[in-house]
Protein backbone atom coordinates (compact mmCIF):
# COMPACT_ATOMS: atom_id res chain seq x y z
CA UNK A 1 -69.16 -64.94 0.78
CA UNK A 2 -68.05 -67.72 3.09
CA UNK A 3 -64.63 -69.22 2.31
CA UNK A 4 -64.42 -72.95 1.89
CA UNK A 5 -62.18 -74.62 4.46
CA UNK A 6 -59.37 -75.78 2.10
CA UNK A 7 -59.05 -72.32 0.60
CA UNK A 8 -59.04 -70.73 4.04
CA UNK A 9 -56.29 -73.07 5.19
CA UNK A 10 -54.28 -72.27 2.09
CA UNK A 11 -54.55 -68.54 2.72
CA UNK A 12 -53.52 -68.99 6.34
CA UNK A 13 -50.54 -71.06 5.28
CA UNK A 14 -49.47 -68.46 2.75
CA UNK A 15 -49.83 -65.69 5.32
CA UNK A 16 -47.74 -67.65 7.80
CA UNK A 17 -45.03 -68.23 5.22
CA UNK A 18 -45.01 -64.52 4.48
CA UNK A 19 -44.05 -63.76 8.05
CA UNK A 20 -40.85 -65.77 7.72
CA UNK A 21 -38.07 -64.02 5.78
CA UNK A 22 -37.07 -65.79 2.59
CA UNK A 23 -33.53 -67.04 3.20
CA UNK A 24 -32.34 -66.50 -0.35
CA UNK A 25 -33.97 -63.10 -0.78
CA UNK A 26 -32.75 -61.89 2.61
CA UNK A 27 -29.17 -62.92 1.92
CA UNK A 28 -29.02 -61.41 -1.55
CA UNK A 29 -30.41 -58.17 -0.17
CA UNK A 30 -27.69 -58.27 2.47
CA UNK A 31 -25.08 -59.13 -0.18
CA UNK A 32 -26.14 -56.10 -2.22
CA UNK A 33 -25.36 -53.81 0.70
CA UNK A 34 -22.07 -55.52 1.46
CA UNK A 35 -20.72 -55.74 -2.07
CA UNK A 36 -21.47 -52.08 -2.72
CA UNK A 37 -19.48 -51.35 0.43
CA UNK A 38 -16.72 -53.57 -0.95
CA UNK A 39 -16.34 -51.25 -3.96
CA UNK A 40 -15.78 -48.33 -1.58
CA UNK A 41 -13.22 -50.30 0.41
CA UNK A 42 -11.36 -51.46 -2.70
CA UNK A 43 -11.15 -47.92 -4.08
CA UNK A 44 -9.71 -46.76 -0.75
CA UNK A 45 -7.00 -49.43 -0.80
CA UNK A 46 -6.05 -48.62 -4.39
CA UNK A 47 -5.92 -44.89 -3.65
CA UNK A 48 -3.77 -45.35 -0.57
CA UNK A 49 -1.25 -47.68 -2.20
CA UNK A 50 2.19 -46.05 -2.57
CA UNK A 51 3.08 -45.18 -6.15
CA UNK A 52 6.35 -47.07 -5.80
CA UNK A 53 4.43 -50.34 -5.32
CA UNK A 54 2.28 -49.66 -8.35
CA UNK A 55 5.38 -48.82 -10.40
CA UNK A 56 7.12 -52.02 -9.31
CA UNK A 57 4.13 -54.14 -10.31
CA UNK A 58 4.00 -52.39 -13.67
CA UNK A 59 7.71 -53.05 -14.17
CA UNK A 60 7.19 -56.73 -13.37
CA UNK A 61 4.05 -56.85 -15.55
CA UNK A 62 1.94 -58.12 -12.66
CA UNK A 63 -1.08 -55.95 -13.32
CA UNK A 64 -3.15 -53.90 -10.88
CA UNK A 65 -4.74 -54.89 -7.59
CA UNK A 66 -7.69 -56.91 -8.85
CA UNK A 67 -9.80 -58.42 -6.10
CA UNK A 68 -10.38 -58.49 -2.34
CA UNK A 69 -9.14 -61.65 -0.66
CA UNK A 70 -9.71 -61.31 3.08
CA UNK A 71 -9.85 -59.02 6.08
CA UNK A 72 -6.60 -59.18 8.01
CA UNK A 73 -6.51 -59.71 11.77
CA UNK A 74 -5.95 -55.97 12.24
CA UNK A 75 -9.10 -55.17 10.26
CA UNK A 76 -7.44 -54.03 7.03
CA UNK A 77 -8.57 -55.17 3.60
CA UNK A 78 -6.16 -57.48 1.78
CA UNK A 79 -6.39 -57.14 -2.00
CA UNK A 80 -4.59 -59.31 -4.53
CA UNK A 81 -3.44 -59.19 -8.14
CA UNK A 82 -4.90 -61.55 -10.74
CA UNK A 83 -2.08 -64.07 -10.23
CA UNK A 84 -3.41 -64.91 -6.75
CA UNK A 85 -5.49 -68.10 -6.70
CA UNK A 86 -8.45 -66.27 -5.12
CA UNK A 87 -8.71 -63.48 -7.70
CA UNK A 88 -11.67 -64.95 -9.60
CA UNK A 89 -14.06 -65.30 -6.68
CA UNK A 90 -15.06 -61.65 -6.32
CA UNK A 91 -16.04 -61.21 -9.99
CA UNK A 92 -17.87 -64.52 -9.62
CA UNK A 93 -19.87 -63.09 -6.73
CA UNK A 94 -20.87 -60.15 -8.91
CA UNK A 95 -22.04 -62.49 -11.66
CA UNK A 96 -24.16 -64.32 -9.07
CA UNK A 97 -25.64 -60.97 -8.01
CA UNK A 98 -26.53 -60.30 -11.64
CA UNK A 99 -28.00 -63.78 -12.00
CA UNK A 100 -30.27 -63.27 -9.01
CA UNK A 101 -31.26 -59.62 -9.54
CA UNK A 102 -31.09 -59.30 -13.36
CA UNK A 103 -29.87 -55.77 -12.61
CA UNK A 104 -27.44 -54.40 -15.21
CA UNK A 105 -25.57 -52.58 -12.44
CA UNK A 106 -24.16 -55.91 -11.28
CA UNK A 107 -23.55 -57.05 -14.86
CA UNK A 108 -21.40 -54.01 -15.52
CA UNK A 109 -19.49 -54.36 -12.26
CA UNK A 110 -18.95 -58.05 -12.99
CA UNK A 111 -17.59 -57.24 -16.44
CA UNK A 112 -15.17 -54.69 -15.00
CA UNK A 113 -13.83 -57.06 -12.37
CA UNK A 114 -13.70 -60.03 -14.75
CA UNK A 115 -11.60 -58.09 -17.26
CA UNK A 116 -8.85 -57.80 -14.64
CA UNK A 117 -8.43 -61.59 -14.65
CA UNK A 118 -8.03 -62.15 -18.41
CA UNK A 119 -4.22 -62.12 -18.34
CA UNK A 120 -4.36 -65.38 -16.35
CA UNK A 121 -5.48 -67.40 -19.37
CA UNK A 122 -1.82 -67.75 -20.37
CA UNK A 123 -0.41 -68.34 -16.90
CA UNK A 124 0.95 -71.87 -17.05
CA UNK A 125 2.60 -71.53 -13.67
CA UNK A 126 -0.54 -72.37 -11.73
CA UNK A 127 -3.14 -75.12 -11.49
CA UNK A 128 -5.76 -72.70 -10.17
CA UNK A 129 -7.17 -71.85 -13.59
CA UNK A 130 -10.65 -72.99 -12.63
CA UNK A 131 -10.78 -70.91 -9.47
CA UNK A 132 -9.50 -67.83 -11.28
CA UNK A 133 -10.94 -68.05 -14.77
CA UNK A 134 -13.95 -70.37 -14.55
CA UNK A 135 -15.48 -68.63 -11.52
CA UNK A 136 -15.18 -65.29 -13.32
CA UNK A 137 -15.30 -65.81 -17.09
CA UNK A 138 -17.18 -69.11 -16.75
CA UNK A 139 -20.08 -67.52 -14.94
CA UNK A 140 -19.91 -64.54 -17.25
CA UNK A 141 -20.12 -66.72 -20.35
CA UNK A 142 -22.96 -68.78 -18.88
CA UNK A 143 -25.00 -65.65 -18.22
CA UNK A 144 -24.14 -63.56 -21.30
CA UNK A 145 -22.95 -65.90 -24.05
CA UNK A 146 -20.14 -63.43 -24.79
CA UNK A 147 -17.96 -65.08 -27.45
CA UNK A 148 -14.86 -63.31 -26.16
CA UNK A 149 -15.38 -64.99 -22.80
CA UNK A 150 -15.59 -68.36 -24.52
CA UNK A 151 -12.20 -67.77 -26.16
CA UNK A 152 -10.61 -66.86 -22.83
CA UNK A 153 -12.01 -70.00 -21.20
CA UNK A 154 -10.76 -72.31 -23.95
CA UNK A 155 -7.29 -70.79 -23.85
CA UNK A 156 -7.24 -71.12 -20.06
CA UNK A 157 -8.21 -74.78 -20.34
CA UNK A 158 -5.44 -75.51 -22.84
CA UNK A 159 -2.99 -73.72 -20.57
CA UNK A 160 -4.09 -75.85 -17.63
CA UNK A 161 -3.48 -79.09 -19.55
CA UNK A 162 0.20 -78.18 -19.93
CA UNK A 163 0.58 -78.99 -16.23
CA UNK A 164 -0.65 -82.55 -16.69
CA UNK A 165 2.01 -85.15 -15.93
CA UNK A 166 1.42 -88.27 -18.02
CA UNK A 167 3.51 -90.60 -15.85
CA UNK A 168 1.64 -89.48 -12.75
CA UNK A 169 -1.81 -89.25 -14.27
CA UNK A 170 -2.52 -85.93 -12.60
CA UNK A 171 -2.16 -82.18 -12.94
CA UNK A 172 0.77 -80.75 -11.02
CA UNK A 173 -0.42 -78.27 -8.41
CA UNK A 174 2.43 -76.21 -6.96
CA UNK A 175 5.76 -75.13 -8.42
CA UNK A 176 7.09 -73.70 -5.14
CA UNK A 177 9.06 -75.59 -2.46
CA UNK A 178 10.87 -77.81 -4.98
CA UNK A 179 13.27 -78.80 -2.20
CA UNK A 180 10.28 -80.34 -0.39
CA UNK A 181 8.14 -81.83 -3.18
CA UNK A 182 8.85 -83.28 -6.61
CA UNK A 183 5.33 -83.19 -8.09
CA UNK A 184 2.78 -82.09 -5.50
CA UNK A 185 -0.92 -82.61 -6.22
CA UNK A 186 -3.42 -81.07 -3.81
CA UNK A 187 -7.03 -82.03 -3.18
CA UNK A 188 -8.09 -78.46 -4.09
CA UNK A 189 -7.21 -79.29 -7.68
CA UNK A 190 -10.41 -81.31 -8.00
CA UNK A 191 -12.25 -78.00 -8.26
CA UNK A 192 -10.33 -76.96 -11.37
CA UNK A 193 -11.56 -79.96 -13.36
CA UNK A 194 -14.86 -78.23 -14.07
CA UNK A 195 -13.10 -75.93 -16.52
CA UNK A 196 -11.70 -78.94 -18.38
CA UNK A 197 -15.07 -80.66 -18.60
CA UNK A 198 -16.60 -77.44 -19.92
CA UNK A 199 -13.84 -77.18 -22.53
CA UNK A 200 -14.45 -80.77 -23.65
CA UNK A 201 -18.17 -80.16 -24.13
CA UNK A 202 -17.50 -76.88 -25.91
CA UNK A 203 -14.61 -77.89 -28.18
CA UNK A 204 -15.06 -81.64 -28.52
CA UNK A 205 -11.35 -82.12 -27.81
CA UNK A 206 -11.02 -85.34 -25.81
CA UNK A 207 -7.74 -84.11 -24.31
CA UNK A 208 -9.72 -82.15 -21.73
CA UNK A 209 -11.94 -85.08 -20.75
CA UNK A 210 -9.09 -87.55 -20.47
CA UNK A 211 -6.94 -85.25 -18.33
CA UNK A 212 -9.84 -84.49 -16.00
CA UNK A 213 -10.92 -88.12 -15.56
CA UNK A 214 -7.36 -89.38 -15.10
CA UNK A 215 -6.68 -86.71 -12.51
CA UNK A 216 -9.85 -87.56 -10.60
CA UNK A 217 -9.03 -91.26 -10.60
CA UNK A 218 -5.43 -90.76 -9.52
CA UNK A 219 -6.58 -88.50 -6.70
CA UNK A 220 -9.25 -90.97 -5.64
CA UNK A 221 -6.63 -93.74 -5.52
CA UNK A 222 -3.93 -91.92 -3.60
CA UNK A 223 -5.45 -89.02 -1.63
CA UNK A 224 -8.06 -90.99 0.29
CA UNK A 225 -7.74 -93.10 3.40
CA UNK A 226 -9.92 -96.12 4.22
CA UNK A 227 -12.40 -93.89 6.08
CA UNK A 228 -12.70 -91.62 2.99
CA UNK A 229 -10.93 -88.69 4.61
CA UNK A 230 -8.40 -86.98 2.38
CA UNK A 231 -4.79 -85.91 2.60
CA UNK A 232 -4.12 -82.39 1.41
CA UNK A 233 -0.97 -83.01 -0.65
CA UNK A 234 0.30 -86.14 -2.38
CA UNK A 235 3.80 -85.89 -3.87
CA UNK A 236 4.71 -88.02 -6.89
CA UNK A 237 7.86 -89.08 -8.69
CA UNK A 238 7.41 -87.56 -12.15
CA UNK A 239 9.38 -90.37 -13.85
CA UNK A 240 7.87 -93.46 -12.22
CA UNK A 241 4.58 -92.00 -11.00
CA UNK A 242 5.22 -93.49 -7.57
CA UNK A 243 3.85 -91.79 -4.47
CA UNK A 244 6.68 -90.18 -2.49
CA UNK A 245 4.88 -88.45 0.37
CA UNK A 246 1.38 -87.84 1.72
CA UNK A 247 1.00 -84.58 3.63
CA UNK A 248 -1.69 -82.32 5.05
CA UNK A 249 0.03 -78.99 4.55
CA UNK A 250 -2.76 -76.68 5.74
CA UNK A 251 -4.25 -79.00 8.33
CA UNK A 252 -3.27 -79.88 11.88
CA UNK A 253 -1.15 -82.95 11.02
CA UNK A 254 -0.39 -85.16 8.05
CA UNK A 255 -2.90 -87.78 9.21
CA UNK A 256 -5.61 -85.30 10.20
CA UNK A 257 -8.67 -84.32 8.16
CA UNK A 258 -8.37 -80.69 7.09
CA UNK A 259 -11.96 -79.49 6.79
CA UNK A 260 -11.82 -77.49 3.60
CA UNK A 261 -9.95 -80.33 1.91
CA UNK A 262 -12.85 -82.66 2.66
CA UNK A 263 -15.23 -80.08 1.17
CA UNK A 264 -13.15 -79.69 -2.00
CA UNK A 265 -13.32 -83.44 -2.49
CA UNK A 266 -17.07 -83.65 -1.95
CA UNK A 267 -17.71 -80.87 -4.45
CA UNK A 268 -15.12 -82.15 -6.92
CA UNK A 269 -16.38 -85.74 -7.15
CA UNK A 270 -19.98 -84.57 -7.35
CA UNK A 271 -19.17 -82.45 -10.41
CA UNK A 272 -17.11 -85.30 -11.88
CA UNK A 273 -20.16 -87.55 -11.69
CA UNK A 274 -22.30 -84.86 -13.32
CA UNK A 275 -19.88 -84.57 -16.24
CA UNK A 276 -19.07 -88.26 -16.74
CA UNK A 277 -21.90 -90.35 -15.31
CA UNK A 278 -19.25 -92.74 -13.93
CA UNK A 279 -20.63 -94.50 -10.82
CA UNK A 280 -17.22 -94.54 -9.13
CA UNK A 281 -17.33 -90.78 -8.76
CA UNK A 282 -20.83 -90.76 -7.30
CA UNK A 283 -19.83 -93.43 -4.80
CA UNK A 284 -16.77 -91.40 -3.82
CA UNK A 285 -18.87 -88.29 -3.22
CA UNK A 286 -21.36 -90.26 -1.11
CA UNK A 287 -18.60 -91.74 1.02
CA UNK A 288 -16.95 -88.34 1.57
CA UNK A 289 -20.31 -86.92 2.64
CA UNK A 290 -20.70 -89.76 5.10
CA UNK A 291 -17.26 -89.11 6.57
CA UNK A 292 -17.99 -85.42 7.09
CA UNK A 293 -21.42 -85.77 8.64
CA UNK A 294 -20.74 -88.83 10.77
CA UNK A 295 -17.61 -87.36 12.31
CA UNK A 296 -17.96 -86.94 16.10
CA UNK A 297 -16.19 -83.57 15.98
CA UNK A 298 -18.64 -81.95 13.56
CA UNK A 299 -20.47 -79.27 15.58
CA UNK A 300 -24.25 -79.34 15.90
CA UNK A 301 -24.61 -76.28 13.67
CA UNK A 302 -22.70 -78.20 10.92
CA UNK A 303 -20.07 -75.46 10.52
CA UNK A 304 -16.83 -77.44 10.93
CA UNK A 305 -13.73 -76.59 12.88
CA UNK A 306 -10.81 -75.80 10.59
CA UNK A 307 -9.58 -79.39 11.04
CA UNK A 308 -11.67 -82.33 12.22
CA UNK A 309 -8.76 -83.45 14.41
CA UNK A 310 -7.64 -80.06 15.75
CA UNK A 311 -6.40 -80.71 19.32
CA UNK A 312 -8.20 -77.84 21.05
CA UNK A 313 -11.76 -78.65 19.97
CA UNK A 314 -14.16 -77.09 20.93
CA UNK A 315 -11.90 -74.05 21.46
CA UNK A 316 -10.72 -74.05 17.83
CA UNK A 317 -11.58 -71.67 14.98
CA UNK A 318 -14.35 -72.68 12.58
CA UNK A 319 -14.09 -72.63 8.81
CA UNK A 320 -17.22 -71.15 7.26
CA UNK A 321 -15.66 -71.59 3.82
CA UNK A 322 -15.64 -75.38 4.24
CA UNK A 323 -19.31 -75.17 5.17
CA UNK A 324 -20.33 -73.11 2.13
CA UNK A 325 -18.48 -75.39 -0.29
CA UNK A 326 -20.11 -78.40 1.37
CA UNK A 327 -23.60 -76.90 1.24
CA UNK A 328 -23.30 -76.06 -2.44
CA UNK A 329 -22.10 -79.58 -3.22
CA UNK A 330 -24.92 -81.17 -1.21
CA UNK A 331 -27.64 -79.48 -3.24
CA UNK A 332 -26.21 -80.97 -6.41
CA UNK A 333 -25.45 -84.36 -4.85
CA UNK A 334 -29.10 -84.62 -3.82
CA UNK A 335 -30.01 -84.88 -7.52
CA UNK A 336 -27.94 -88.02 -8.05
CA UNK A 337 -28.72 -90.02 -4.91
CA UNK A 338 -32.51 -90.23 -4.48
CA UNK A 339 -32.28 -92.46 -1.41
CA UNK A 340 -30.40 -89.78 0.51
CA UNK A 341 -31.42 -86.67 -1.42
CA UNK A 342 -33.78 -85.25 1.19
CA UNK A 343 -31.15 -85.71 3.88
CA UNK A 344 -28.54 -83.88 1.81
CA UNK A 345 -30.90 -80.96 1.20
CA UNK A 346 -31.82 -80.80 4.88
CA UNK A 347 -28.15 -80.62 5.83
CA UNK A 348 -27.43 -77.95 3.23
CA UNK A 349 -30.42 -75.92 4.39
CA UNK A 350 -29.27 -76.20 8.00
CA UNK A 351 -25.80 -74.97 7.06
CA UNK A 352 -27.17 -71.93 5.21
CA UNK A 353 -29.63 -71.12 7.98
CA UNK A 354 -26.95 -71.29 10.66
CA UNK A 355 -24.49 -69.26 8.61
CA UNK A 356 -27.18 -66.63 8.10
CA UNK A 357 -28.05 -66.52 11.81
CA UNK A 358 -24.63 -66.66 13.39
CA UNK A 359 -21.87 -66.02 10.88
CA UNK A 360 -22.88 -63.01 8.81
CA UNK A 361 -20.94 -59.79 8.99
CA UNK A 362 -22.50 -56.52 10.14
CA UNK A 363 -24.24 -54.51 7.39
CA UNK A 364 -21.86 -51.92 5.97
CA UNK A 365 -18.97 -53.31 8.00
CA UNK A 366 -16.18 -55.87 7.70
CA UNK A 367 -14.89 -54.35 4.44
CA UNK A 368 -17.89 -55.56 2.46
CA UNK A 369 -17.50 -59.28 3.11
CA UNK A 370 -20.51 -61.50 3.80
CA UNK A 371 -19.34 -64.12 6.30
CA UNK A 372 -17.16 -64.20 9.39
CA UNK A 373 -15.15 -67.11 10.81
CA UNK A 374 -13.26 -68.68 7.93
CA UNK A 375 -9.77 -70.09 8.35
CA UNK A 376 -7.21 -70.25 5.57
CA UNK A 377 -4.20 -71.93 7.19
CA UNK A 378 -4.08 -71.94 10.98
CA UNK A 379 -0.82 -73.88 11.09
CA UNK A 380 0.84 -71.02 9.22
CA UNK A 381 -1.08 -68.35 11.14
CA UNK A 382 -2.57 -67.08 7.88
CA UNK A 383 -6.20 -65.94 7.62
CA UNK A 384 -7.29 -67.35 10.96
CA UNK A 385 -10.95 -66.72 11.90
CA UNK A 386 -11.51 -63.91 9.38
CA UNK A 387 -13.77 -63.15 6.40
CA UNK A 388 -12.39 -64.78 3.21
CA UNK A 389 -13.68 -64.25 -0.31
CA UNK A 390 -14.21 -67.88 -1.35
CA UNK A 391 -16.52 -68.45 1.62
CA UNK A 392 -18.70 -65.65 0.26
CA UNK A 393 -18.57 -66.96 -3.30
CA UNK A 394 -19.77 -70.45 -2.43
CA UNK A 395 -22.32 -68.98 -0.02
CA UNK A 396 -24.03 -67.14 -2.87
CA UNK A 397 -23.67 -70.16 -5.12
CA UNK A 398 -25.30 -72.42 -2.54
CA UNK A 399 -28.17 -69.96 -2.12
CA UNK A 400 -28.76 -69.87 -5.87
CA UNK A 401 -28.62 -73.66 -6.04
CA UNK A 402 -31.12 -73.93 -3.20
CA UNK A 403 -33.53 -71.61 -4.97
CA UNK A 404 -33.18 -73.33 -8.32
CA UNK A 405 -33.57 -76.80 -6.83
CA UNK A 406 -36.79 -75.75 -5.10
CA UNK A 407 -38.21 -74.02 -8.16
CA UNK A 408 -36.95 -76.17 -11.04
CA UNK A 409 -35.83 -79.45 -9.53
CA UNK A 410 -32.21 -78.95 -10.53
CA UNK A 411 -29.30 -77.40 -8.67
CA UNK A 412 -27.20 -76.92 -11.79
CA UNK A 413 -26.69 -73.24 -12.53
């Protein structure tokens, strides 16, 4: 039987598409190999740790080594206890693997790793409750509905609100370096507001909503310059609420634009708009996006240098983690700004494609991490041009958001 032309063209198109690897499928297949290798690497680190170190942690009630954080410059795997701000990302990756594959192997591994973070729900000495608890228990609750997870999340949210400073209108970030700062608030803290918004929707307690919105507004007022670039740290007087200092602690200089800080802001204000519908937050996210992508120092592959104003560009380290956070945020932002939505998606797709082509680790190598070339804090010579766990977490999240947006028209997981 002779095929009609439209049908023939359709079959040819489908065949052509089949020859091109699916970006999401390819990366999750790769992630499966790498994360299974990560289990081997983690077991090796735990086995090799001197008993004296384990005993000291037990004595101090710090808990066991919980999660991988990065590969050191010498190639060794750096693992951290639950208190570390990055501890929740690895269990979050495992939940994303379960979400994509529906394989109970990943569900069980995610449960095991998530359990190691539970003690943090009472840790009032940190603002990083969202990073630690929401990325782990939050994803777990979303995918399983486990009531015990819900209880952990609510307790963590209440604990986080104890760091809110009424006179400042923001959540205190760091407790260290009290000789340097009175009440430091960092741009990263925008990411932890998602836990508070979740708690408001779940409990109905307006405390969570008010703290989150006030924090976002205070940060918008004081962290951002006229060009919509962000400082890293703003220090406040806890009595008067006055701004004392504006610093960029992990960037090149106080007046420079630290790349990951710009990404935190883009993601944070996008989620604030999702949860509140307040136009001011959408406008802020749009302006931050414009700053990032109109900057003359943004490379053609859209993977930024660690600081937009680093003096040695182009001979400066990149920060893949800033790129993955940005890509994930762009998929969601595209839902709220129809005039620029296609452009946002195109940029996010370009980031993921370039990361996949030029930044992935070697299969079975690099201690089970997914991406190379992230930079934690170059000015402190910490985690410079190495694999880092939060780059991997937001990489998988961005891939899932891309797939869901294409299939269902929403990037909300």
